[in-house]
Structure formats: C-alpha cells, structure tokens
Amino acid sequence: MKLSESWKNALQWTASRLRGSERRQFYAQVVQALGRGGQRAVQEEFGWSRTTTRKGAHELRTGIVCKGGSQPLGPKPVEERLPNLRADIRAIVEQHCQTDPTFETTRLYRRVTAKEVRNQLVSRGYKDEDLPSEETIRTRLNVMGYGPAKVRKTKPKKKDPGNRRHLQPDERGQRTCQD
C-alpha cells in the first residue's frame, strides 16, 4: 500500500505527539492497517522500530500495558542509598553554624568545610567508599541553606565624637589635642 505525502506527514505528526504505550499502540494500528509487510514498511518509511511496533501489537492484543524503558538514567540520588545522611550532615553542621552577624538575613553560615563534614561522617561510621564526593556534600550543604561564605566579624561602632578629644590645627598647621 502506497501512502501519499500528506498521510505520511499526518502519521509522523501524530506519532510525535504520543508517548509510551499510546505511541506503541498507534504504531501497531498503523501496521495492522497496512497489512502484510507493514512492519518493514513503517521501519523503512518512518524509522519506527520493529521491536516497538511488535510490543504495541502485543499490548493491543492482550490489553496489558508493557512497562516502557522510561526509568531515569544515571546513578540514584545519594539520599536513596544513605537515608540518614541528610540528618547526620545537619547534626554536624549545626554545631559549627553562625547567623549573619548583621542580622539582615536569616541565612546560616557554616564555619566548617565540606571536606571536614565528610571526615566527620567517616568518623560517625560511614564507609569512605559509600559517601559522596566533597563537591556533592558542598552542593547538599548549599541546598540545605548553609552558606559557604566566610563569616565576617562585625565592626564595632565608632564612638560618639562628643565623647572624644578633638584634634585642632595650631598656628603651624599641625593637629594638637584640645579639651
């Protein structure tokens, strides 16, 4: 069966809007409509995988939706492997926190480095190879609200000039103390 360009475009547009089992079942319906040799035709014409169309045909035939390959890729978050890690990091950092000395923000500043946090986690019983890298710990600390900035000491307020002796220039232009 030969398809016109407008039908090809319509089928490709529809397939691009569908996801998962809906897309696979759509592929299978198109293959069924094309009849014998439909799988090969859609593979050559549209680039649709024959395995995907077979899986869609199976879903149509049985009514059971197959699990797709849409699981997230990459390593799992460290919190899944070590569920108490976040609480332990918080316990370590809370001992070394300081609020903003000007009290202008509620942000806490940590006086401990990510390397030191990691070392203290090892001393608490975590295995070195199970723990995330320093960079990951640093990122988690920032997300938890512990700023990496160094804590600046507050500057003392200057004394009131009325309470101090004033330096006054004398006849030569030099400043001398006058009461």
N, C-alpha and C. Protein backbone atom coordinates (compact mmCIF):
# COMPACT_ATOMS: atom_id res chain seq x y z
N MET A 1 0.84 -1.17 0.00
CA MET A 1 0.00 0.00 0.00
C MET A 1 0.88 1.24 0.00
N LYS A 2 0.66 2.15 -0.91
CA LYS A 2 1.41 3.39 -1.01
C LYS A 2 0.66 4.50 -0.30
N LEU A 3 1.40 5.27 0.50
CA LEU A 3 0.79 6.40 1.21
C LEU A 3 1.21 7.70 0.54
N SER A 4 0.29 8.65 0.51
CA SER A 4 0.62 9.97 -0.04
C SER A 4 1.46 10.73 0.98
N GLU A 5 2.09 11.77 0.54
CA GLU A 5 2.94 12.59 1.42
C GLU A 5 2.13 13.20 2.55
N SER A 6 0.90 13.62 2.27
CA SER A 6 0.08 14.23 3.31
C SER A 6 -0.25 13.22 4.41
N TRP A 7 -0.52 11.93 4.04
CA TRP A 7 -0.77 10.90 5.03
C TRP A 7 0.49 10.59 5.83
N LYS A 8 1.61 10.54 5.17
CA LYS A 8 2.88 10.28 5.87
C LYS A 8 3.14 11.36 6.91
N ASN A 9 2.96 12.62 6.49
CA ASN A 9 3.17 13.74 7.42
C ASN A 9 2.20 13.67 8.60
N ALA A 10 0.94 13.33 8.30
CA ALA A 10 -0.06 13.24 9.37
C ALA A 10 0.29 12.13 10.36
N LEU A 11 0.73 10.99 9.87
CA LEU A 11 1.10 9.88 10.75
C LEU A 11 2.33 10.23 11.60
N GLN A 12 3.31 10.86 10.99
CA GLN A 12 4.51 11.24 11.74
C GLN A 12 4.18 12.30 12.80
N TRP A 13 3.32 13.25 12.44
CA TRP A 13 2.94 14.30 13.39
C TRP A 13 2.20 13.69 14.57
N THR A 14 1.27 12.78 14.30
CA THR A 14 0.51 12.12 15.37
C THR A 14 1.44 11.30 16.27
N ALA A 15 2.34 10.55 15.67
CA ALA A 15 3.27 9.73 16.46
C ALA A 15 4.16 10.60 17.33
N SER A 16 4.55 11.78 16.84
CA SER A 16 5.43 12.65 17.63
C SER A 16 4.72 13.25 18.84
N ARG A 17 3.39 13.28 18.82
CA ARG A 17 2.63 13.84 19.94
C ARG A 17 2.29 12.81 21.01
N LEU A 18 2.51 11.54 20.73
CA LEU A 18 2.17 10.47 21.67
C LEU A 18 3.42 10.00 22.41
N ARG A 19 3.21 9.40 23.58
CA ARG A 19 4.31 8.88 24.39
C ARG A 19 3.96 7.50 24.93
N GLY A 20 4.96 6.70 25.20
CA GLY A 20 4.80 5.43 25.89
C GLY A 20 3.93 4.43 25.15
N SER A 21 3.03 3.82 25.92
CA SER A 21 2.20 2.75 25.35
C SER A 21 1.24 3.29 24.29
N GLU A 22 0.80 4.54 24.42
CA GLU A 22 -0.09 5.12 23.40
C GLU A 22 0.61 5.17 22.05
N ARG A 23 1.88 5.55 22.06
CA ARG A 23 2.64 5.61 20.81
C ARG A 23 2.83 4.20 20.23
N ARG A 24 3.19 3.25 21.09
CA ARG A 24 3.39 1.88 20.60
C ARG A 24 2.11 1.31 20.01
N GLN A 25 0.98 1.55 20.65
CA GLN A 25 -0.29 1.05 20.14
C GLN A 25 -0.68 1.75 18.83
N PHE A 26 -0.34 3.02 18.71
CA PHE A 26 -0.57 3.74 17.45
C PHE A 26 0.25 3.11 16.33
N TYR A 27 1.53 2.83 16.61
CA TYR A 27 2.38 2.16 15.62
C TYR A 27 1.74 0.84 15.17
N ALA A 28 1.26 0.06 16.16
CA ALA A 28 0.67 -1.24 15.85
C ALA A 28 -0.59 -1.09 15.00
N GLN A 29 -1.40 -0.09 15.27
CA GLN A 29 -2.62 0.12 14.48
C GLN A 29 -2.28 0.50 13.04
N VAL A 30 -1.25 1.32 12.87
CA VAL A 30 -0.82 1.69 11.51
C VAL A 30 -0.32 0.45 10.78
N VAL A 31 0.46 -0.39 11.47
CA VAL A 31 0.99 -1.62 10.85
C VAL A 31 -0.17 -2.54 10.46
N GLN A 32 -1.17 -2.67 11.32
CA GLN A 32 -2.33 -3.51 11.01
C GLN A 32 -3.09 -2.97 9.80
N ALA A 33 -3.21 -1.65 9.73
CA ALA A 33 -3.92 -1.05 8.59
C ALA A 33 -3.16 -1.27 7.29
N LEU A 34 -1.84 -1.30 7.34
CA LEU A 34 -1.03 -1.51 6.13
C LEU A 34 -1.05 -2.98 5.70
N GLY A 35 -1.33 -3.89 6.64
CA GLY A 35 -1.42 -5.31 6.28
C GLY A 35 -0.06 -5.98 6.25
N ARG A 36 0.03 -7.04 5.43
CA ARG A 36 1.24 -7.84 5.35
C ARG A 36 2.42 -6.97 4.90
N GLY A 37 3.53 -7.08 5.64
CA GLY A 37 4.72 -6.29 5.33
C GLY A 37 4.67 -4.89 5.91
N GLY A 38 3.69 -4.62 6.76
CA GLY A 38 3.53 -3.28 7.35
C GLY A 38 4.67 -2.89 8.28
N GLN A 39 5.17 -3.87 9.04
CA GLN A 39 6.27 -3.56 9.95
C GLN A 39 7.51 -3.09 9.20
N ARG A 40 7.84 -3.80 8.15
CA ARG A 40 9.01 -3.43 7.36
C ARG A 40 8.78 -2.08 6.68
N ALA A 41 7.56 -1.85 6.21
CA ALA A 41 7.25 -0.59 5.51
C ALA A 41 7.39 0.61 6.44
N VAL A 42 6.84 0.52 7.66
CA VAL A 42 6.95 1.67 8.57
C VAL A 42 8.38 1.85 9.07
N GLN A 43 9.11 0.75 9.16
CA GLN A 43 10.51 0.88 9.55
C GLN A 43 11.30 1.64 8.48
N GLU A 44 11.08 1.29 7.24
CA GLU A 44 11.81 1.94 6.15
C GLU A 44 11.31 3.36 5.90
N GLU A 45 10.00 3.56 5.99
CA GLU A 45 9.42 4.85 5.65
C GLU A 45 9.54 5.88 6.77
N PHE A 46 9.26 5.45 8.01
CA PHE A 46 9.21 6.39 9.14
C PHE A 46 10.36 6.22 10.13
N GLY A 47 11.06 5.09 10.05
CA GLY A 47 12.14 4.84 11.00
C GLY A 47 11.64 4.30 12.33
N TRP A 48 10.39 3.79 12.36
CA TRP A 48 9.83 3.23 13.58
C TRP A 48 10.45 1.86 13.84
N SER A 49 10.81 1.59 15.06
CA SER A 49 11.44 0.32 15.43
C SER A 49 10.44 -0.83 15.31
N ARG A 50 10.89 -1.93 14.71
CA ARG A 50 10.03 -3.11 14.58
C ARG A 50 9.75 -3.72 15.95
N THR A 51 10.71 -3.63 16.84
CA THR A 51 10.51 -4.13 18.20
C THR A 51 9.41 -3.35 18.90
N THR A 52 9.41 -2.05 18.71
CA THR A 52 8.40 -1.19 19.33
C THR A 52 7.02 -1.50 18.76
N THR A 53 6.93 -1.68 17.45
CA THR A 53 5.63 -1.98 16.85
C THR A 53 5.13 -3.36 17.31
N ARG A 54 6.04 -4.32 17.49
CA ARG A 54 5.65 -5.64 17.99
C ARG A 54 5.13 -5.54 19.42
N LYS A 55 5.80 -4.74 20.23
CA LYS A 55 5.36 -4.56 21.61
C LYS A 55 3.97 -3.90 21.63
N GLY A 56 3.75 -2.92 20.75
CA GLY A 56 2.44 -2.28 20.65
C GLY A 56 1.36 -3.24 20.20
N ALA A 57 1.68 -4.14 19.25
CA ALA A 57 0.72 -5.14 18.80
C ALA A 57 0.37 -6.08 19.95
N HIS A 58 1.36 -6.44 20.75
CA HIS A 58 1.12 -7.30 21.91
C HIS A 58 0.19 -6.59 22.91
N GLU A 59 0.42 -5.30 23.13
CA GLU A 59 -0.43 -4.54 24.04
C GLU A 59 -1.87 -4.47 23.53
N LEU A 60 -2.02 -4.27 22.23
CA LEU A 60 -3.37 -4.23 21.65
C LEU A 60 -4.07 -5.59 21.78
N ARG A 61 -3.34 -6.65 21.52
CA ARG A 61 -3.90 -8.00 21.53
C ARG A 61 -4.30 -8.44 22.93
N THR A 62 -3.44 -8.17 23.94
CA THR A 62 -3.69 -8.67 25.30
C THR A 62 -4.40 -7.66 26.19
N GLY A 63 -4.27 -6.38 25.89
CA GLY A 63 -4.84 -5.36 26.76
C GLY A 63 -3.96 -5.03 27.95
N ILE A 64 -2.79 -5.66 28.02
CA ILE A 64 -1.84 -5.41 29.11
C ILE A 64 -0.80 -4.41 28.62
N VAL A 65 -0.61 -3.34 29.39
CA VAL A 65 0.37 -2.33 29.02
C VAL A 65 1.74 -2.76 29.52
N CYS A 66 2.70 -2.83 28.61
CA CYS A 66 4.06 -3.22 28.95
C CYS A 66 4.79 -2.02 29.57
N LYS A 67 5.63 -2.33 30.50
CA LYS A 67 6.43 -1.28 31.12
C LYS A 67 7.46 -0.80 30.12
N GLY A 68 7.52 0.51 29.93
CA GLY A 68 8.47 1.07 28.97
C GLY A 68 9.83 1.29 29.60
N GLY A 69 10.76 1.72 28.80
CA GLY A 69 12.10 2.00 29.28
C GLY A 69 12.26 3.44 29.69
N SER A 70 11.30 3.97 30.44
CA SER A 70 11.33 5.39 30.78
C SER A 70 11.84 5.65 32.19
N GLN A 71 12.56 4.71 32.79
CA GLN A 71 13.11 4.94 34.10
C GLN A 71 14.26 5.94 33.98
N PRO A 72 14.48 6.72 35.02
CA PRO A 72 15.55 7.72 34.95
C PRO A 72 16.92 7.06 34.82
N LEU A 73 17.77 7.70 34.05
CA LEU A 73 19.12 7.17 33.83
C LEU A 73 20.08 7.74 34.87
N GLY A 74 21.21 7.12 35.00
CA GLY A 74 22.25 7.61 35.88
C GLY A 74 22.13 7.04 37.28
N PRO A 75 23.05 7.44 38.13
CA PRO A 75 23.04 6.92 39.49
C PRO A 75 21.86 7.47 40.29
N LYS A 76 21.43 6.69 41.28
CA LYS A 76 20.34 7.13 42.15
C LYS A 76 20.86 8.22 43.08
N PRO A 77 19.98 9.09 43.54
CA PRO A 77 20.43 10.12 44.49
C PRO A 77 21.02 9.47 45.74
N VAL A 78 21.99 10.13 46.32
CA VAL A 78 22.70 9.58 47.47
C VAL A 78 21.75 9.38 48.64
N GLU A 79 20.68 10.16 48.73
CA GLU A 79 19.73 10.04 49.82
C GLU A 79 18.99 8.69 49.78
N GLU A 80 18.87 8.09 48.59
CA GLU A 80 18.22 6.78 48.50
C GLU A 80 19.12 5.69 49.05
N ARG A 81 20.41 5.81 48.80
CA ARG A 81 21.35 4.80 49.30
C ARG A 81 21.62 4.97 50.78
N LEU A 82 21.69 6.22 51.23
CA LEU A 82 22.01 6.53 52.63
C LEU A 82 20.91 7.43 53.19
N PRO A 83 19.82 6.85 53.69
CA PRO A 83 18.67 7.66 54.09
C PRO A 83 18.93 8.59 55.28
N ASN A 84 19.88 8.28 56.15
CA ASN A 84 20.15 9.12 57.33
C ASN A 84 21.24 10.16 57.07
N LEU A 85 21.77 10.20 55.88
CA LEU A 85 22.90 11.09 55.58
C LEU A 85 22.53 12.56 55.80
N ARG A 86 21.38 12.97 55.33
CA ARG A 86 20.97 14.37 55.44
C ARG A 86 20.87 14.80 56.91
N ALA A 87 20.30 13.96 57.75
CA ALA A 87 20.16 14.28 59.17
C ALA A 87 21.53 14.33 59.84
N ASP A 88 22.43 13.43 59.46
CA ASP A 88 23.77 13.42 60.05
C ASP A 88 24.57 14.66 59.62
N ILE A 89 24.42 15.05 58.37
CA ILE A 89 25.11 16.27 57.90
C ILE A 89 24.58 17.46 58.68
N ARG A 90 23.27 17.53 58.84
CA ARG A 90 22.67 18.65 59.58
C ARG A 90 23.19 18.68 61.02
N ALA A 91 23.30 17.52 61.66
CA ALA A 91 23.79 17.46 63.05
C ALA A 91 25.23 17.94 63.14
N ILE A 92 26.04 17.59 62.17
CA ILE A 92 27.44 18.03 62.17
C ILE A 92 27.54 19.53 61.95
N VAL A 93 26.82 20.04 60.97
CA VAL A 93 26.95 21.45 60.58
C VAL A 93 26.32 22.38 61.61
N GLU A 94 25.26 21.93 62.28
CA GLU A 94 24.60 22.78 63.27
C GLU A 94 25.56 23.18 64.39
N GLN A 95 26.51 22.34 64.71
CA GLN A 95 27.48 22.65 65.75
C GLN A 95 28.42 23.78 65.34
N HIS A 96 28.57 23.96 64.03
CA HIS A 96 29.54 24.92 63.51
C HIS A 96 28.88 26.05 62.73
N CYS A 97 27.65 26.38 63.07
CA CYS A 97 26.93 27.42 62.32
C CYS A 97 26.95 28.74 63.05
N GLN A 98 26.82 29.78 62.26
CA GLN A 98 26.76 31.12 62.81
C GLN A 98 25.77 31.90 61.95
N THR A 99 24.95 32.70 62.59
CA THR A 99 24.00 33.51 61.83
C THR A 99 24.71 34.72 61.25
N ASP A 100 24.03 35.39 60.37
CA ASP A 100 24.58 36.60 59.77
C ASP A 100 24.84 37.61 60.89
N PRO A 101 26.08 38.09 61.04
CA PRO A 101 26.39 38.97 62.17
C PRO A 101 25.64 40.29 62.14
N THR A 102 25.17 40.70 60.99
CA THR A 102 24.42 41.96 60.93
C THR A 102 22.93 41.73 61.14
N PHE A 103 22.51 40.47 61.22
CA PHE A 103 21.12 40.07 61.39
C PHE A 103 20.21 40.60 60.28
N GLU A 104 20.78 40.83 59.11
CA GLU A 104 19.98 41.30 57.98
C GLU A 104 19.31 40.15 57.25
N THR A 105 19.86 38.93 57.36
CA THR A 105 19.26 37.76 56.73
C THR A 105 19.13 36.65 57.75
N THR A 106 18.33 35.66 57.41
CA THR A 106 18.18 34.51 58.31
C THR A 106 19.09 33.37 57.90
N ARG A 107 19.93 33.59 56.91
CA ARG A 107 20.80 32.54 56.40
C ARG A 107 21.86 32.18 57.43
N LEU A 108 22.16 30.89 57.50
CA LEU A 108 23.21 30.40 58.39
C LEU A 108 24.49 30.20 57.60
N TYR A 109 25.59 30.58 58.19
CA TYR A 109 26.88 30.40 57.56
C TYR A 109 27.62 29.31 58.30
N ARG A 110 28.21 28.42 57.55
CA ARG A 110 28.94 27.31 58.18
C ARG A 110 30.41 27.66 58.30
N ARG A 111 30.95 27.31 59.43
CA ARG A 111 32.38 27.54 59.65
C ARG A 111 33.15 26.25 59.49
N VAL A 112 32.57 25.29 58.79
CA VAL A 112 33.20 24.00 58.58
C VAL A 112 33.17 23.71 57.07
N THR A 113 34.22 23.12 56.56
CA THR A 113 34.30 22.84 55.12
C THR A 113 33.61 21.52 54.79
N ALA A 114 33.34 21.33 53.53
CA ALA A 114 32.73 20.08 53.07
C ALA A 114 33.68 18.91 53.33
N LYS A 115 34.97 19.15 53.24
CA LYS A 115 35.95 18.10 53.50
C LYS A 115 35.87 17.66 54.96
N GLU A 116 35.76 18.63 55.86
CA GLU A 116 35.66 18.31 57.28
C GLU A 116 34.35 17.59 57.59
N VAL A 117 33.26 17.98 56.94
CA VAL A 117 31.98 17.29 57.13
C VAL A 117 32.13 15.83 56.69
N ARG A 118 32.77 15.62 55.57
CA ARG A 118 32.96 14.26 55.06
C ARG A 118 33.81 13.43 56.02
N ASN A 119 34.87 14.03 56.56
CA ASN A 119 35.72 13.33 57.53
C ASN A 119 34.94 12.97 58.79
N GLN A 120 34.09 13.88 59.26
CA GLN A 120 33.30 13.60 60.45
C GLN A 120 32.25 12.52 60.18
N LEU A 121 31.73 12.46 58.95
CA LEU A 121 30.79 11.39 58.60
C LEU A 121 31.48 10.03 58.64
N VAL A 122 32.74 9.99 58.18
CA VAL A 122 33.52 8.74 58.25
C VAL A 122 33.74 8.35 59.71
N SER A 123 34.02 9.34 60.56
CA SER A 123 34.22 9.03 61.98
C SER A 123 32.92 8.60 62.66
N ARG A 124 31.77 8.93 62.08
CA ARG A 124 30.47 8.50 62.62
C ARG A 124 30.09 7.10 62.16
N GLY A 125 30.92 6.47 61.33
CA GLY A 125 30.66 5.10 60.96
C GLY A 125 30.33 4.87 59.49
N TYR A 126 30.27 5.91 58.69
CA TYR A 126 30.03 5.73 57.26
C TYR A 126 31.31 5.22 56.61
N LYS A 127 31.15 4.38 55.61
CA LYS A 127 32.31 3.90 54.85
C LYS A 127 32.70 4.97 53.84
N ASP A 128 34.01 5.15 53.68
CA ASP A 128 34.53 6.17 52.79
C ASP A 128 34.03 5.98 51.35
N GLU A 129 33.97 4.73 50.89
CA GLU A 129 33.57 4.47 49.50
C GLU A 129 32.06 4.65 49.30
N ASP A 130 31.27 4.62 50.39
CA ASP A 130 29.82 4.82 50.27
C ASP A 130 29.43 6.29 50.22
N LEU A 131 30.27 7.14 50.78
CA LEU A 131 29.95 8.57 50.86
C LEU A 131 30.13 9.25 49.51
N PRO A 132 29.34 10.30 49.27
CA PRO A 132 29.53 11.07 48.03
C PRO A 132 30.79 11.92 48.12
N SER A 133 31.15 12.52 47.01
CA SER A 133 32.36 13.34 46.96
C SER A 133 32.17 14.63 47.75
N GLU A 134 33.27 15.32 47.97
CA GLU A 134 33.22 16.62 48.67
C GLU A 134 32.33 17.60 47.92
N GLU A 135 32.42 17.59 46.60
CA GLU A 135 31.62 18.51 45.80
C GLU A 135 30.13 18.26 45.98
N THR A 136 29.73 16.98 46.04
CA THR A 136 28.33 16.65 46.25
C THR A 136 27.89 17.09 47.64
N ILE A 137 28.72 16.88 48.64
CA ILE A 137 28.39 17.32 50.00
C ILE A 137 28.27 18.84 50.04
N ARG A 138 29.17 19.54 49.37
CA ARG A 138 29.12 21.00 49.31
C ARG A 138 27.80 21.47 48.68
N THR A 139 27.40 20.79 47.59
CA THR A 139 26.14 21.14 46.93
C THR A 139 24.97 20.90 47.86
N ARG A 140 24.96 19.77 48.58
CA ARG A 140 23.87 19.46 49.51
C ARG A 140 23.82 20.50 50.64
N LEU A 141 24.98 20.93 51.12
CA LEU A 141 25.01 21.95 52.17
C LEU A 141 24.38 23.25 51.68
N ASN A 142 24.68 23.63 50.45
CA ASN A 142 24.11 24.85 49.89
C ASN A 142 22.60 24.73 49.74
N VAL A 143 22.14 23.56 49.30
CA VAL A 143 20.70 23.34 49.13
C VAL A 143 20.00 23.36 50.48
N MET A 144 20.67 22.86 51.51
CA MET A 144 20.09 22.83 52.86
C MET A 144 20.09 24.21 53.52
N GLY A 145 20.72 25.20 52.89
CA GLY A 145 20.68 26.57 53.41
C GLY A 145 21.88 26.98 54.21
N TYR A 146 22.94 26.19 54.18
CA TYR A 146 24.16 26.54 54.89
C TYR A 146 25.12 27.18 53.91
N GLY A 147 25.24 28.50 53.98
CA GLY A 147 26.04 29.23 53.02
C GLY A 147 27.51 28.97 53.16
N PRO A 148 28.21 29.02 52.05
CA PRO A 148 29.64 28.75 52.09
C PRO A 148 30.48 29.97 52.44
N ALA A 149 29.86 31.12 52.54
CA ALA A 149 30.62 32.35 52.72
C ALA A 149 31.30 32.38 54.09
N LYS A 150 32.45 33.02 54.14
CA LYS A 150 33.15 33.18 55.39
C LYS A 150 32.38 34.19 56.23
N VAL A 151 32.38 33.96 57.52
CA VAL A 151 31.67 34.84 58.42
C VAL A 151 32.55 36.04 58.71
N ARG A 152 32.02 37.22 58.42
CA ARG A 152 32.77 38.44 58.68
C ARG A 152 32.39 38.95 60.07
N LYS A 153 33.37 39.28 60.84
CA LYS A 153 33.10 39.78 62.18
C LYS A 153 32.50 41.18 62.06
N THR A 154 31.63 41.48 62.99
CA THR A 154 31.01 42.81 62.96
C THR A 154 32.03 43.84 63.40
N LYS A 155 31.93 44.97 62.79
CA LYS A 155 32.83 46.06 63.15
C LYS A 155 32.22 46.81 64.32
N PRO A 156 33.02 47.15 65.31
CA PRO A 156 32.45 47.91 66.43
C PRO A 156 32.05 49.31 65.97
N LYS A 157 30.99 49.82 66.58
CA LYS A 157 30.54 51.16 66.22
C LYS A 157 31.57 52.17 66.71
N LYS A 158 31.73 53.22 65.93
CA LYS A 158 32.67 54.27 66.32
C LYS A 158 32.07 55.05 67.48
N LYS A 159 32.95 55.48 68.33
CA LYS A 159 32.49 56.24 69.48
C LYS A 159 31.96 57.59 69.02
N ASP A 160 31.08 58.12 69.81
CA ASP A 160 30.48 59.42 69.50
C ASP A 160 31.56 60.49 69.56
N PRO A 161 31.66 61.33 68.53
CA PRO A 161 32.71 62.35 68.54
C PRO A 161 32.61 63.30 69.72
N GLY A 162 31.45 63.44 70.34
CA GLY A 162 31.31 64.33 71.50
C GLY A 162 32.04 63.80 72.71
N ASN A 163 32.34 62.53 72.75
CA ASN A 163 33.00 61.94 73.91
C ASN A 163 34.51 61.88 73.74
N ARG A 164 35.04 62.31 72.63
CA ARG A 164 36.48 62.20 72.39
C ARG A 164 37.10 63.59 72.35
N ARG A 165 38.39 63.60 72.57
CA ARG A 165 39.13 64.85 72.40
C ARG A 165 39.24 65.13 70.91
N HIS A 166 39.16 66.35 70.54
CA HIS A 166 39.25 66.69 69.13
C HIS A 166 40.63 67.23 68.81
N LEU A 167 41.11 66.88 67.65
CA LEU A 167 42.39 67.39 67.21
C LEU A 167 42.14 68.69 66.45
N GLN A 168 42.78 69.74 66.91
CA GLN A 168 42.60 71.03 66.28
C GLN A 168 43.95 71.49 65.71
N PRO A 169 43.94 72.09 64.54
CA PRO A 169 45.22 72.60 64.00
C PRO A 169 45.71 73.81 64.80
N ASP A 170 47.02 73.87 65.04
CA ASP A 170 47.58 75.03 65.73
C ASP A 170 48.09 76.04 64.72
N GLU A 171 48.89 77.02 65.17
CA GLU A 171 49.37 78.08 64.29
C GLU A 171 50.22 77.54 63.15
N ARG A 172 50.94 76.44 63.35
CA ARG A 172 51.81 75.88 62.34
C ARG A 172 51.05 74.94 61.40
N GLY A 173 49.77 74.64 61.65
CA GLY A 173 49.00 73.74 60.81
C GLY A 173 49.03 72.31 61.29
N GLN A 174 49.72 72.05 62.40
CA GLN A 174 49.75 70.70 62.94
C GLN A 174 48.59 70.51 63.91
N ARG A 175 48.11 69.28 63.96
CA ARG A 175 46.97 69.00 64.82
C ARG A 175 47.44 68.68 66.24
N THR A 176 46.82 69.29 67.15
CA THR A 176 47.10 69.02 68.55
C THR A 176 45.80 68.73 69.28
N CYS A 177 45.93 68.11 70.41
CA CYS A 177 44.76 67.71 71.18
C CYS A 177 44.28 68.89 72.00
N GLN A 178 42.99 69.15 71.97
CA GLN A 178 42.41 70.22 72.74
C GLN A 178 41.23 69.67 73.53
N ASP A 179 41.06 70.10 74.75
CA ASP A 179 39.93 69.64 75.55
C ASP A 179 38.75 70.53 75.40
